[in-house]
Amino acid sequence: MFIYDTAIKKQNKVKITEKGKEIGILDFYESLAYITKIVAVCQHAVQEIFDVHRPDNGLISASLELNTFKFLLAELRAVKAEERGD
């Protein structure tokens, strides 16, 4: 029975990229649910910046939005690097 359970666990692992680590399929689907929450937080941050700075035109709005998303992506990468121990 132990060998059978190990075989099932190994089959339920998936790699997103070749260099990525294996994660459980159910963990993958659970992480997909967090994407909508992350996007909502990012959009809320952009909306707060718009409320504070009140941009005059679409160019300034697009620039603020783009730079905010770049900053948030850099922060996410920093957190990932910290978790890996880089």
PDB file of N, CA and C in Angstrom:
ATOM      1  N   MET A   1       0.813  -1.186   0.000  1.00  0.00           N
ATOM      2  CA  MET A   1       0.000   0.000   0.000  1.00  0.00           C
ATOM      3  C   MET A   1       0.861   1.256   0.000  1.00  0.00           C
ATOM      4  N   PHE A   2       1.965   1.254   0.707  1.00  0.00           N
ATOM      5  CA  PHE A   2       2.835   2.422   0.763  1.00  0.00           C
ATOM      6  C   PHE A   2       3.383   2.767  -0.622  1.00  0.00           C
ATOM      7  N   ILE A   3       3.750   1.767  -1.399  1.00  0.00           N
ATOM      8  CA  ILE A   3       4.286   2.018  -2.744  1.00  0.00           C
ATOM      9  C   ILE A   3       3.202   2.626  -3.624  1.00  0.00           C
ATOM     10  N   TYR A   4       1.981   2.153  -3.492  1.00  0.00           N
ATOM     11  CA  TYR A   4       0.880   2.681  -4.296  1.00  0.00           C
ATOM     12  C   TYR A   4       0.603   4.145  -3.959  1.00  0.00           C
ATOM     13  N   ASP A   5       0.595   4.506  -2.656  1.00  0.00           N
ATOM     14  CA  ASP A   5       0.374   5.896  -2.249  1.00  0.00           C
ATOM     15  C   ASP A   5       1.466   6.811  -2.784  1.00  0.00           C
ATOM     16  N   THR A   6       2.710   6.343  -2.770  1.00  0.00           N
ATOM     17  CA  THR A   6       3.812   7.144  -3.282  1.00  0.00           C
ATOM     18  C   THR A   6       3.662   7.361  -4.782  1.00  0.00           C
ATOM     19  N   ALA A   7       3.232   6.337  -5.499  1.00  0.00           N
ATOM     20  CA  ALA A   7       3.037   6.471  -6.938  1.00  0.00           C
ATOM     21  C   ALA A   7       1.942   7.489  -7.249  1.00  0.00           C
ATOM     22  N   ILE A   8       0.892   7.488  -6.475  1.00  0.00           N
ATOM     23  CA  ILE A   8      -0.186   8.454  -6.690  1.00  0.00           C
ATOM     24  C   ILE A   8       0.311   9.866  -6.410  1.00  0.00           C
ATOM     25  N   LYS A   9       1.038  10.025  -5.345  1.00  0.00           N
ATOM     26  CA  LYS A   9       1.544  11.354  -5.008  1.00  0.00           C
ATOM     27  C   LYS A   9       2.471  11.869  -6.102  1.00  0.00           C
ATOM     28  N   LYS A  10       3.292  10.997  -6.665  1.00  0.00           N
ATOM     29  CA  LYS A  10       4.210  11.415  -7.716  1.00  0.00           C
ATOM     30  C   LYS A  10       3.443  11.800  -8.977  1.00  0.00           C
ATOM     31  N   GLN A  11       2.362  11.106  -9.274  1.00  0.00           N
ATOM     32  CA  GLN A  11       1.565  11.432 -10.457  1.00  0.00           C
ATOM     33  C   GLN A  11       0.805  12.741 -10.289  1.00  0.00           C
ATOM     34  N   ASN A  12       0.534  13.134  -9.069  1.00  0.00           N
ATOM     35  CA  ASN A  12      -0.222  14.350  -8.825  1.00  0.00           C
ATOM     36  C   ASN A  12       0.655  15.593  -8.729  1.00  0.00           C
ATOM     37  N   LYS A  13       1.901  15.490  -9.127  1.00  0.00           N
ATOM     38  CA  LYS A  13       2.816  16.623  -9.132  1.00  0.00           C
ATOM     39  C   LYS A  13       2.945  17.160 -10.552  1.00  0.00           C
ATOM     40  N   VAL A  14       3.098  18.460 -10.679  1.00  0.00           N
ATOM     41  CA  VAL A  14       3.243  19.085 -11.986  1.00  0.00           C
ATOM     42  C   VAL A  14       4.304  20.177 -11.899  1.00  0.00           C
ATOM     43  N   LYS A  15       5.043  20.363 -12.993  1.00  0.00           N
ATOM     44  CA  LYS A  15       6.021  21.431 -13.112  1.00  0.00           C
ATOM     45  C   LYS A  15       5.508  22.418 -14.143  1.00  0.00           C
ATOM     46  N   ILE A  16       5.505  23.690 -13.808  1.00  0.00           N
ATOM     47  CA  ILE A  16       5.049  24.703 -14.757  1.00  0.00           C
ATOM     48  C   ILE A  16       6.140  24.988 -15.774  1.00  0.00           C
ATOM     49  N   THR A  17       7.387  25.097 -15.327  1.00  0.00           N
ATOM     50  CA  THR A  17       8.532  25.308 -16.223  1.00  0.00           C
ATOM     51  C   THR A  17       9.533  24.184 -15.995  1.00  0.00           C
ATOM     52  N   GLU A  18      10.494  24.070 -16.889  1.00  0.00           N
ATOM     53  CA  GLU A  18      11.485  23.001 -16.759  1.00  0.00           C
ATOM     54  C   GLU A  18      12.322  23.154 -15.499  1.00  0.00           C
ATOM     55  N   LYS A  19      12.664  24.393 -15.146  1.00  0.00           N
ATOM     56  CA  LYS A  19      13.503  24.634 -13.974  1.00  0.00           C
ATOM     57  C   LYS A  19      12.693  24.818 -12.700  1.00  0.00           C
ATOM     58  N   GLY A  20      11.382  24.841 -12.823  1.00  0.00           N
ATOM     59  CA  GLY A  20      10.522  25.042 -11.661  1.00  0.00           C
ATOM     60  C   GLY A  20      10.471  23.818 -10.774  1.00  0.00           C
ATOM     61  N   LYS A  21       9.989  24.034  -9.561  1.00  0.00           N
ATOM     62  CA  LYS A  21       9.857  22.899  -8.660  1.00  0.00           C
ATOM     63  C   LYS A  21       8.479  22.282  -8.838  1.00  0.00           C
ATOM     64  N   GLU A  22       8.387  21.015  -8.517  1.00  0.00           N
ATOM     65  CA  GLU A  22       7.121  20.301  -8.655  1.00  0.00           C
ATOM     66  C   GLU A  22       6.179  20.721  -7.543  1.00  0.00           C
ATOM     67  N   ILE A  23       4.929  20.950  -7.926  1.00  0.00           N
ATOM     68  CA  ILE A  23       3.902  21.268  -6.941  1.00  0.00           C
ATOM     69  C   ILE A  23       2.716  20.351  -7.194  1.00  0.00           C
ATOM     70  N   GLY A  24       1.913  20.167  -6.182  1.00  0.00           N
ATOM     71  CA  GLY A  24       0.727  19.336  -6.323  1.00  0.00           C
ATOM     72  C   GLY A  24      -0.307  20.011  -7.217  1.00  0.00           C
ATOM     73  N   ILE A  25      -1.031  19.227  -7.956  1.00  0.00           N
ATOM     74  CA  ILE A  25      -2.040  19.771  -8.873  1.00  0.00           C
ATOM     75  C   ILE A  25      -3.068  20.588  -8.100  1.00  0.00           C
ATOM     76  N   LEU A  26      -3.509  20.098  -6.969  1.00  0.00           N
ATOM     77  CA  LEU A  26      -4.490  20.848  -6.191  1.00  0.00           C
ATOM     78  C   LEU A  26      -3.909  22.145  -5.661  1.00  0.00           C
ATOM     79  N   ASP A  27      -2.622  22.156  -5.328  1.00  0.00           N
ATOM     80  CA  ASP A  27      -1.980  23.397  -4.902  1.00  0.00           C
ATOM     81  C   ASP A  27      -1.936  24.402  -6.044  1.00  0.00           C
ATOM     82  N   PHE A  28      -1.737  23.902  -7.272  1.00  0.00           N
ATOM     83  CA  PHE A  28      -1.711  24.770  -8.446  1.00  0.00           C
ATOM     84  C   PHE A  28      -3.059  25.454  -8.629  1.00  0.00           C
ATOM     85  N   TYR A  29      -4.136  24.692  -8.535  1.00  0.00           N
ATOM     86  CA  TYR A  29      -5.458  25.282  -8.709  1.00  0.00           C
ATOM     87  C   TYR A  29      -5.794  26.246  -7.578  1.00  0.00           C
ATOM     88  N   GLU A  30      -5.316  25.948  -6.388  1.00  0.00           N
ATOM     89  CA  GLU A  30      -5.531  26.867  -5.271  1.00  0.00           C
ATOM     90  C   GLU A  30      -4.786  28.173  -5.512  1.00  0.00           C
ATOM     91  N   SER A  31      -3.582  28.092  -6.075  1.00  0.00           N
ATOM     92  CA  SER A  31      -2.826  29.312  -6.352  1.00  0.00           C
ATOM     93  C   SER A  31      -3.485  30.137  -7.450  1.00  0.00           C
ATOM     94  N   LEU A  32      -4.204  29.500  -8.370  1.00  0.00           N
ATOM     95  CA  LEU A  32      -4.929  30.249  -9.394  1.00  0.00           C
ATOM     96  C   LEU A  32      -6.010  31.126  -8.771  1.00  0.00           C
ATOM     97  N   ALA A  33      -6.596  30.660  -7.686  1.00  0.00           N
ATOM     98  CA  ALA A  33      -7.631  31.446  -7.015  1.00  0.00           C
ATOM     99  C   ALA A  33      -7.046  32.725  -6.428  1.00  0.00           C
ATOM    100  N   TYR A  34      -5.767  32.692  -6.065  1.00  0.00           N
ATOM    101  CA  TYR A  34      -5.143  33.876  -5.492  1.00  0.00           C
ATOM    102  C   TYR A  34      -4.838  34.929  -6.547  1.00  0.00           C
ATOM    103  N   ILE A  35      -4.751  34.547  -7.811  1.00  0.00           N
ATOM    104  CA  ILE A  35      -4.430  35.513  -8.861  1.00  0.00           C
ATOM    105  C   ILE A  35      -5.473  36.619  -8.910  1.00  0.00           C
ATOM    106  N   THR A  36      -6.737  36.272  -8.811  1.00  0.00           N
ATOM    107  CA  THR A  36      -7.774  37.304  -8.849  1.00  0.00           C
ATOM    108  C   THR A  36      -7.659  38.254  -7.662  1.00  0.00           C
ATOM    109  N   LYS A  37      -7.259  37.726  -6.511  1.00  0.00           N
ATOM    110  CA  LYS A  37      -7.078  38.578  -5.343  1.00  0.00           C
ATOM    111  C   LYS A  37      -5.891  39.515  -5.531  1.00  0.00           C
ATOM    112  N   ILE A  38      -4.816  39.013  -6.118  1.00  0.00           N
ATOM    113  CA  ILE A  38      -3.631  39.836  -6.360  1.00  0.00           C
ATOM    114  C   ILE A  38      -3.947  40.937  -7.360  1.00  0.00           C
ATOM    115  N   VAL A  39      -4.657  40.594  -8.424  1.00  0.00           N
ATOM    116  CA  VAL A  39      -5.039  41.597  -9.421  1.00  0.00           C
ATOM    117  C   VAL A  39      -5.936  42.655  -8.798  1.00  0.00           C
ATOM    118  N   ALA A  40      -6.862  42.246  -7.959  1.00  0.00           N
ATOM    119  CA  ALA A  40      -7.753  43.202  -7.296  1.00  0.00           C
ATOM    120  C   ALA A  40      -6.969  44.159  -6.406  1.00  0.00           C
ATOM    121  N   VAL A  41      -5.981  43.659  -5.681  1.00  0.00           N
ATOM    122  CA  VAL A  41      -5.159  44.514  -4.824  1.00  0.00           C
ATOM    123  C   VAL A  41      -4.359  45.497  -5.674  1.00  0.00           C
ATOM    124  N   CYS A  42      -3.804  45.025  -6.783  1.00  0.00           N
ATOM    125  CA  CYS A  42      -3.042  45.910  -7.674  1.00  0.00           C
ATOM    126  C   CYS A  42      -3.937  47.005  -8.250  1.00  0.00           C
ATOM    127  N   GLN A  43      -5.124  46.643  -8.687  1.00  0.00           N
ATOM    128  CA  GLN A  43      -6.047  47.635  -9.235  1.00  0.00           C
ATOM    129  C   GLN A  43      -6.491  48.622  -8.163  1.00  0.00           C
ATOM    130  N   HIS A  44      -6.669  48.150  -6.950  1.00  0.00           N
ATOM    131  CA  HIS A  44      -7.031  49.048  -5.855  1.00  0.00           C
ATOM    132  C   HIS A  44      -5.898  50.034  -5.568  1.00  0.00           C
ATOM    133  N   ALA A  45      -4.653  49.559  -5.622  1.00  0.00           N
ATOM    134  CA  ALA A  45      -3.508  50.445  -5.401  1.00  0.00           C
ATOM    135  C   ALA A  45      -3.451  51.525  -6.477  1.00  0.00           C
ATOM    136  N   VAL A  46      -3.689  51.150  -7.726  1.00  0.00           N
ATOM    137  CA  VAL A  46      -3.691  52.124  -8.815  1.00  0.00           C
ATOM    138  C   VAL A  46      -4.819  53.130  -8.619  1.00  0.00           C
ATOM    139  N   GLN A  47      -5.981  52.660  -8.223  1.00  0.00           N
ATOM    140  CA  GLN A  47      -7.112  53.567  -7.995  1.00  0.00           C
ATOM    141  C   GLN A  47      -6.817  54.561  -6.882  1.00  0.00           C
ATOM    142  N   GLU A  48      -6.147  54.106  -5.830  1.00  0.00           N
ATOM    143  CA  GLU A  48      -5.778  55.017  -4.745  1.00  0.00           C
ATOM    144  C   GLU A  48      -4.789  56.070  -5.226  1.00  0.00           C
ATOM    145  N   ILE A  49      -3.856  55.664  -6.077  1.00  0.00           N
ATOM    146  CA  ILE A  49      -2.903  56.641  -6.638  1.00  0.00           C
ATOM    147  C   ILE A  49      -3.634  57.655  -7.505  1.00  0.00           C
ATOM    148  N   PHE A  50      -4.600  57.208  -8.286  1.00  0.00           N
ATOM    149  CA  PHE A  50      -5.403  58.129  -9.090  1.00  0.00           C
ATOM    150  C   PHE A  50      -6.176  59.100  -8.195  1.00  0.00           C
ATOM    151  N   ASP A  51      -6.733  58.593  -7.104  1.00  0.00           N
ATOM    152  CA  ASP A  51      -7.488  59.444  -6.196  1.00  0.00           C
ATOM    153  C   ASP A  51      -6.608  60.507  -5.542  1.00  0.00           C
ATOM    154  N   VAL A  52      -5.366  60.146  -5.237  1.00  0.00           N
ATOM    155  CA  VAL A  52      -4.454  61.081  -4.587  1.00  0.00           C
ATOM    156  C   VAL A  52      -3.918  62.110  -5.582  1.00  0.00           C
ATOM    157  N   HIS A  53      -3.459  61.655  -6.744  1.00  0.00           N
ATOM    158  CA  HIS A  53      -2.777  62.547  -7.686  1.00  0.00           C
ATOM    159  C   HIS A  53      -3.714  63.205  -8.699  1.00  0.00           C
ATOM    160  N   ARG A  54      -4.872  62.656  -8.901  1.00  0.00           N
ATOM    161  CA  ARG A  54      -5.870  63.184  -9.835  1.00  0.00           C
ATOM    162  C   ARG A  54      -5.243  63.584 -11.180  1.00  0.00           C
ATOM    163  N   PRO A  55      -4.851  62.592 -11.977  1.00  0.00           N
ATOM    164  CA  PRO A  55      -4.188  62.894 -13.256  1.00  0.00           C
ATOM    165  C   PRO A  55      -5.122  63.652 -14.212  1.00  0.00           C
ATOM    166  N   ASP A  56      -4.526  64.561 -15.009  1.00  0.00           N
ATOM    167  CA  ASP A  56      -5.297  65.428 -15.903  1.00  0.00           C
ATOM    168  C   ASP A  56      -5.743  64.742 -17.182  1.00  0.00           C
ATOM    169  N   ASN A  57      -4.882  63.880 -17.707  1.00  0.00           N
ATOM    170  CA  ASN A  57      -5.216  63.273 -18.993  1.00  0.00           C
ATOM    171  C   ASN A  57      -4.872  61.781 -18.997  1.00  0.00           C
ATOM    172  N   GLY A  58      -5.205  61.133 -20.088  1.00  0.00           N
ATOM    173  CA  GLY A  58      -4.994  59.696 -20.218  1.00  0.00           C
ATOM    174  C   GLY A  58      -3.535  59.296 -20.229  1.00  0.00           C
ATOM    175  N   LEU A  59      -2.664  60.164 -20.765  1.00  0.00           N
ATOM    176  CA  LEU A  59      -1.236  59.838 -20.807  1.00  0.00           C
ATOM    177  C   LEU A  59      -0.661  59.743 -19.396  1.00  0.00           C
ATOM    178  N   ILE A  60      -1.004  60.696 -18.571  1.00  0.00           N
ATOM    179  CA  ILE A  60      -0.516  60.665 -17.186  1.00  0.00           C
ATOM    180  C   ILE A  60      -1.123  59.477 -16.441  1.00  0.00           C
ATOM    181  N   SER A  61      -2.399  59.211 -16.679  1.00  0.00           N
ATOM    182  CA  SER A  61      -3.051  58.062 -16.033  1.00  0.00           C
ATOM    183  C   SER A  61      -2.371  56.758 -16.433  1.00  0.00           C
ATOM    184  N   ALA A  62      -2.106  56.594 -17.720  1.00  0.00           N
ATOM    185  CA  ALA A  62      -1.452  55.375 -18.204  1.00  0.00           C
ATOM    186  C   ALA A  62      -0.045  55.255 -17.646  1.00  0.00           C
ATOM    187  N   SER A  63       0.662  56.373 -17.562  1.00  0.00           N
ATOM    188  CA  SER A  63       2.019  56.352 -17.019  1.00  0.00           C
ATOM    189  C   SER A  63       2.015  55.960 -15.544  1.00  0.00           C
ATOM    190  N   LEU A  64       1.091  56.545 -14.768  1.00  0.00           N
ATOM    191  CA  LEU A  64       0.983  56.179 -13.354  1.00  0.00           C
ATOM    192  C   LEU A  64       0.646  54.702 -13.181  1.00  0.00           C
ATOM    193  N   GLU A  65      -0.297  54.231 -13.983  1.00  0.00           N
ATOM    194  CA  GLU A  65      -0.713  52.834 -13.888  1.00  0.00           C
ATOM    195  C   GLU A  65       0.436  51.896 -14.252  1.00  0.00           C
ATOM    196  N   LEU A  66       1.129  52.196 -15.350  1.00  0.00           N
ATOM    197  CA  LEU A  66       2.241  51.348 -15.794  1.00  0.00           C
ATOM    198  C   LEU A  66       3.355  51.314 -14.758  1.00  0.00           C
ATOM    199  N   ASN A  67       3.721  52.470 -14.237  1.00  0.00           N
ATOM    200  CA  ASN A  67       4.804  52.510 -13.256  1.00  0.00           C
ATOM    201  C   ASN A  67       4.413  51.853 -11.939  1.00  0.00           C
ATOM    202  N   THR A  68       3.149  51.962 -11.568  1.00  0.00           N
ATOM    203  CA  THR A  68       2.687  51.279 -10.354  1.00  0.00           C
ATOM    204  C   THR A  68       2.778  49.771 -10.520  1.00  0.00           C
ATOM    205  N   PHE A  69       2.340  49.264 -11.675  1.00  0.00           N
ATOM    206  CA  PHE A  69       2.425  47.821 -11.912  1.00  0.00           C
ATOM    207  C   PHE A  69       3.877  47.356 -11.986  1.00  0.00           C
ATOM    208  N   LYS A  70       4.760  48.162 -12.578  1.00  0.00           N
ATOM    209  CA  LYS A  70       6.188  47.806 -12.613  1.00  0.00           C
ATOM    210  C   LYS A  70       6.753  47.729 -11.197  1.00  0.00           C
ATOM    211  N   PHE A  71       6.377  48.697 -10.359  1.00  0.00           N
ATOM    212  CA  PHE A  71       6.848  48.695  -8.979  1.00  0.00           C
ATOM    213  C   PHE A  71       6.337  47.470  -8.228  1.00  0.00           C
ATOM    214  N   LEU A  72       5.049  47.167  -8.390  1.00  0.00           N
ATOM    215  CA  LEU A  72       4.479  46.010  -7.700  1.00  0.00           C
ATOM    216  C   LEU A  72       5.107  44.707  -8.189  1.00  0.00           C
ATOM    217  N   LEU A  73       5.409  44.616  -9.468  1.00  0.00           N
ATOM    218  CA  LEU A  73       6.082  43.425  -9.997  1.00  0.00           C
ATOM    219  C   LEU A  73       7.487  43.297  -9.424  1.00  0.00           C
ATOM    220  N   ALA A  74       8.201  44.425  -9.310  1.00  0.00           N
ATOM    221  CA  ALA A  74       9.535  44.391  -8.712  1.00  0.00           C
ATOM    222  C   ALA A  74       9.468  43.948  -7.254  1.00  0.00           C
ATOM    223  N   GLU A  75       8.449  44.413  -6.533  1.00  0.00           N
ATOM    224  CA  GLU A  75       8.279  43.997  -5.142  1.00  0.00           C
ATOM    225  C   GLU A  75       7.977  42.498  -5.055  1.00  0.00           C
ATOM    226  N   LEU A  76       7.152  42.003  -5.959  1.00  0.00           N
ATOM    227  CA  LEU A  76       6.843  40.571  -5.981  1.00  0.00           C
ATOM    228  C   LEU A  76       8.095  39.753  -6.255  1.00  0.00           C
ATOM    229  N   ARG A  77       8.896  40.204  -7.197  1.00  0.00           N
ATOM    230  CA  ARG A  77      10.158  39.504  -7.487  1.00  0.00           C
ATOM    231  C   ARG A  77      11.098  39.531  -6.289  1.00  0.00           C
ATOM    232  N   ALA A  78      11.125  40.645  -5.565  1.00  0.00           N
ATOM    233  CA  ALA A  78      11.981  40.736  -4.375  1.00  0.00           C
ATOM    234  C   ALA A  78      11.517  39.753  -3.306  1.00  0.00           C
ATOM    235  N   VAL A  79      10.227  39.618  -3.135  1.00  0.00           N
ATOM    236  CA  VAL A  79       9.690  38.669  -2.153  1.00  0.00           C
ATOM    237  C   VAL A  79      10.031  37.238  -2.567  1.00  0.00           C
ATOM    238  N   LYS A  80       9.880  36.938  -3.873  1.00  0.00           N
ATOM    239  CA  LYS A  80      10.221  35.594  -4.343  1.00  0.00           C
ATOM    240  C   LYS A  80      11.703  35.305  -4.135  1.00  0.00           C
ATOM    241  N   ALA A  81      12.564  36.284  -4.408  1.00  0.00           N
ATOM    242  CA  ALA A  81      13.999  36.087  -4.222  1.00  0.00           C
ATOM    243  C   ALA A  81      14.331  35.893  -2.748  1.00  0.00           C
ATOM    244  N   GLU A  82      13.631  36.601  -1.895  1.00  0.00           N
ATOM    245  CA  GLU A  82      13.853  36.452  -0.450  1.00  0.00           C
ATOM    246  C   GLU A  82      13.442  35.069   0.021  1.00  0.00           C
ATOM    247  N   GLU A  83      12.349  34.555  -0.518  1.00  0.00           N
ATOM    248  CA  GLU A  83      11.910  33.209  -0.138  1.00  0.00           C
ATOM    249  C   GLU A  83      12.899  32.148  -0.599  1.00  0.00           C
ATOM    250  N   ARG A  84      13.519  32.362  -1.763  1.00  0.00           N
ATOM    251  CA  ARG A  84      14.517  31.394  -2.264  1.00  0.00           C
ATOM    252  C   ARG A  84      15.837  31.522  -1.532  1.00  0.00           C
ATOM    253  N   GLY A  85      16.052  32.648  -0.852  1.00  0.00           N
ATOM    254  CA  GLY A  85      17.300  32.846  -0.133  1.00  0.00           C
ATOM    255  C   GLY A  85      18.361  33.544  -0.951  1.00  0.00           C
ATOM    256  N   ASP A  86      17.961  34.224  -2.006  1.00  0.00           N
ATOM    257  CA  ASP A  86      18.926  34.965  -2.844  1.00  0.00           C
ATOM    258  C   ASP A  86      19.359  36.253  -2.168  1.00  0.00           C
TER     259      ASP A  86
END
